[in-house]
Amino acid sequence: MFYKDERLALFIDGSNLYAAAKALGFDIDYKLLRQEFMRRGKLLRAFYYTALLENDEYSPIRPLVDWLHYNGFTMVTKPAKEYTDSMGRRKVKGNMDIELTVDAMELAPRVDHIVLFSGDGDFRPLIASLQRQGVRVSVVSTIRSQPPMISDELRRQADNFIELEDLRDVIGRPPREMPAETRSVMAAGGK
C-alpha cells in the first residue's frame, strides 16, 4: 500500500535485483522503475548499490552505473574483490549490505516509506529497526523463481511484499544477451 503524500526512498541491492529478474526471465528498465515509484509517492531518493570490477580501467557494468547516475539514481559503489577459490575457480566478491544499511538508517528520519529491492535475509534486522523508527518498509523480490530469491524471514518482517514478477509489465523489458564477464560481475555482489 502506497500513499501519494508519503516520502519514499528506494534502496536497490543491484546484484540481488539483477539475479531475481534474471531468474524470472526479464531485464529491469530503470527509467520505468523510477517513474513507477514517483507515481506511487514523493520519491526523495533512489539508491543503487553495486560492486565494480576494476580490471584494466573498464568495468563491464560501468555503462549501467553511468546511465543510472545521470538519470536520477544515487550510485553507491566500491571495488569488487577478485579471488580464486579452493577449487581454482575465479570468484568475485562485492557485498554492499553495510553501505545500504547505514544509508537507510541515516535517511529513516526523513522518509515515511522505504522500498528495499532485495531478498537477502541479512536485511531483516534493518527492516525491524526502520519499523521501530516509524518507517514502513516494502520489499521487492520474488517467490516465483526456483529456488525463491527472497528469504522467508525477510518477507515476513516487511510491511508489504511486492512480487517482482507482478511488476514485469510495468518495469520490465525482454532480456538482452550480455557478455559472460558482465553477468559474473552483476551476480557478484553479496556472494
Foldseek 3Di string as FASTA:
>chain_A
DFDAAFEEEEEEAQLQLQVQQVLVQWDFQVLLVVVVVVRRYPYDAYEYEFEFACDPNDGQCVVVQVVCVVRGHHYDYHHWDWDADPVRDIATEAACVVVSLVVCVVCLVPGQEYEYEFQDPVCLVSLVVSVVSNHAYEYEGAPPGVNGRHDPSNCVSHPYYDYVVVCCVRTTDGDDDDDPSNNRRSNRYPD
